Amino acid sequence: DPFRINATSGEVFTLISLDYEHATGYSFTVRASDSGLPYARFEDARVTVGVINKNDNFPVFYSSDYDPLIPNNAGIDSTVTRVTAKDDDGDKVFYSIVGVDTSSFAINSNGFVTLKR
């Protein structure tokens, strides 16, 4: 159980770091009881803890190398390859071309690399 409760104060503490990618929330029941005689009385309350997603993961490409071959007569807008990446936080992945020769290629939001010239 990832939570502990202080029996005197009623404060609830986490025992582990909560991670949205493992669980988006937790629910548990807390019982308050008295020491009455001849029998104790109690009441239960339901506690629901939501975990907020934090951007703690980098996008990761499904492949670390892409080595496409294209014909020398390939025209403008010809598809060269498609790159794909995922983000374990569930964030949308955006693609861009960086480096020395960015004028020859374009990339769209779906990861398709095409010839520009």
Protein backbone atom coordinates (compact mmCIF):
# COMPACT_ATOMS: atom_id res chain seq x y z
CA ASP A 1 0.00 0.00 0.00
CA PRO A 2 1.52 3.36 -0.99
CA PHE A 3 -0.08 5.28 1.91
CA ARG A 4 0.20 5.41 5.70
CA ILE A 5 -2.10 7.19 8.11
CA ASN A 6 -1.13 8.72 11.43
CA ALA A 7 -3.64 7.11 13.81
CA THR A 8 -3.72 10.15 16.11
CA SER A 9 -3.73 13.12 13.71
CA GLY A 10 -5.39 11.47 10.70
CA GLU A 11 -2.69 12.77 8.33
CA VAL A 12 -2.16 10.54 5.31
CA PHE A 13 1.40 10.16 3.99
CA THR A 14 2.82 8.57 0.85
CA LEU A 15 5.32 5.76 1.37
CA ILE A 16 6.50 5.75 -2.25
CA SER A 17 6.79 8.25 -5.10
CA LEU A 18 3.54 8.22 -7.05
CA ASP A 19 3.89 7.98 -10.83
CA TYR A 20 1.03 8.72 -13.22
CA GLU A 21 2.37 6.18 -15.72
CA HIS A 22 1.90 3.41 -13.11
CA ALA A 23 -1.39 4.54 -11.58
CA THR A 24 -3.55 7.59 -12.30
CA GLY A 25 -5.21 7.44 -8.91
CA TYR A 26 -5.78 5.58 -5.66
CA SER A 27 -8.84 5.02 -3.51
CA PHE A 28 -8.99 3.78 0.05
CA THR A 29 -11.21 3.90 3.11
CA VAL A 30 -10.30 5.65 6.35
CA ARG A 31 -12.06 4.75 9.58
CA ALA A 32 -12.42 7.08 12.55
CA SER A 33 -13.33 5.32 15.79
CA ASP A 34 -13.72 6.34 19.39
CA SER A 35 -12.96 4.53 22.60
CA GLY A 36 -16.52 4.65 23.88
CA LEU A 37 -17.98 2.10 26.28
CA PRO A 38 -19.61 -0.34 26.26
CA TYR A 39 -18.62 -0.44 22.60
CA ALA A 40 -16.68 1.80 20.25
CA ARG A 41 -18.39 3.79 17.53
CA PHE A 42 -16.91 4.45 14.13
CA GLU A 43 -17.51 6.01 10.75
CA ASP A 44 -15.80 5.39 7.42
CA ALA A 45 -14.83 7.90 4.75
CA ARG A 46 -13.74 7.17 1.20
CA VAL A 47 -10.54 8.94 0.07
CA THR A 48 -9.69 9.24 -3.62
CA VAL A 49 -6.25 10.57 -4.55
CA GLY A 50 -5.68 11.66 -8.14
CA VAL A 51 -2.14 11.64 -9.53
CA ILE A 52 -1.22 14.52 -11.85
CA ASN A 53 0.84 13.63 -14.89
CA LYS A 54 4.30 15.19 -14.84
CA ASN A 55 6.45 15.47 -17.95
CA ASP A 56 9.21 13.20 -16.65
CA ASN A 57 9.88 11.10 -19.75
CA PHE A 58 11.73 11.92 -22.96
CA PRO A 59 10.28 10.99 -26.35
CA VAL A 60 11.85 7.75 -27.59
CA PHE A 61 12.21 6.69 -31.22
CA TYR A 62 11.05 3.16 -32.04
CA SER A 63 14.30 2.74 -33.97
CA SER A 64 17.61 4.43 -33.28
CA ASP A 65 18.73 4.31 -36.94
CA TYR A 66 16.87 4.97 -40.16
CA ASP A 67 18.80 4.18 -43.34
CA PRO A 68 16.47 4.60 -46.31
CA LEU A 69 17.57 4.28 -49.93
CA ILE A 70 15.88 6.46 -52.52
CA PRO A 71 16.23 6.44 -56.30
CA ASN A 72 18.31 9.22 -57.84
CA ASN A 73 15.29 10.33 -59.87
CA ALA A 74 12.99 10.69 -56.85
CA GLY A 75 10.88 13.83 -57.20
CA ILE A 76 10.04 16.63 -54.82
CA ASP A 77 7.66 15.51 -52.05
CA SER A 78 8.73 11.87 -52.47
CA THR A 79 8.65 10.01 -49.18
CA VAL A 80 12.12 9.14 -47.93
CA THR A 81 11.18 7.35 -44.72
CA ARG A 82 8.90 7.56 -41.74
CA VAL A 83 10.21 8.04 -38.23
CA THR A 84 8.09 7.28 -35.19
CA ALA A 85 8.54 8.09 -31.54
CA LYS A 86 6.45 7.72 -28.42
CA ASP A 87 6.31 9.60 -25.14
CA ASP A 88 5.47 7.56 -22.03
CA ASP A 89 3.83 10.63 -20.48
CA GLY A 90 1.26 10.48 -23.26
CA ASP A 91 2.33 13.86 -24.62
CA LYS A 92 2.03 14.56 -28.34
CA VAL A 93 5.36 14.11 -30.13
CA PHE A 94 6.50 16.82 -32.54
CA TYR A 95 9.12 16.23 -35.22
CA SER A 96 11.65 18.62 -36.74
CA ILE A 97 14.78 18.25 -38.82
CA VAL A 98 17.97 19.61 -37.27
CA GLY A 99 21.53 19.57 -38.48
CA VAL A 100 23.64 20.75 -41.36
CA ASP A 101 21.48 20.07 -44.44
CA THR A 102 17.89 20.82 -43.48
CA SER A 103 17.08 22.44 -46.85
CA SER A 104 16.77 19.12 -48.71
CA PHE A 105 14.21 17.42 -46.48
CA ALA A 106 10.92 18.15 -44.75
CA ILE A 107 9.10 16.24 -42.01
CA ASN A 108 5.41 16.36 -41.21
CA SER A 109 3.51 15.84 -37.97
CA ASN A 110 3.15 12.11 -38.69
CA GLY A 111 6.92 11.61 -39.03
CA PHE A 112 7.04 11.28 -42.83
CA VAL A 113 10.33 12.62 -44.22
CA THR A 114 10.05 13.92 -47.78
CA LEU A 115 12.33 15.52 -50.36
CA LYS A 116 12.10 19.31 -50.63
CA ARG A 117 14.29 19.72 -53.72
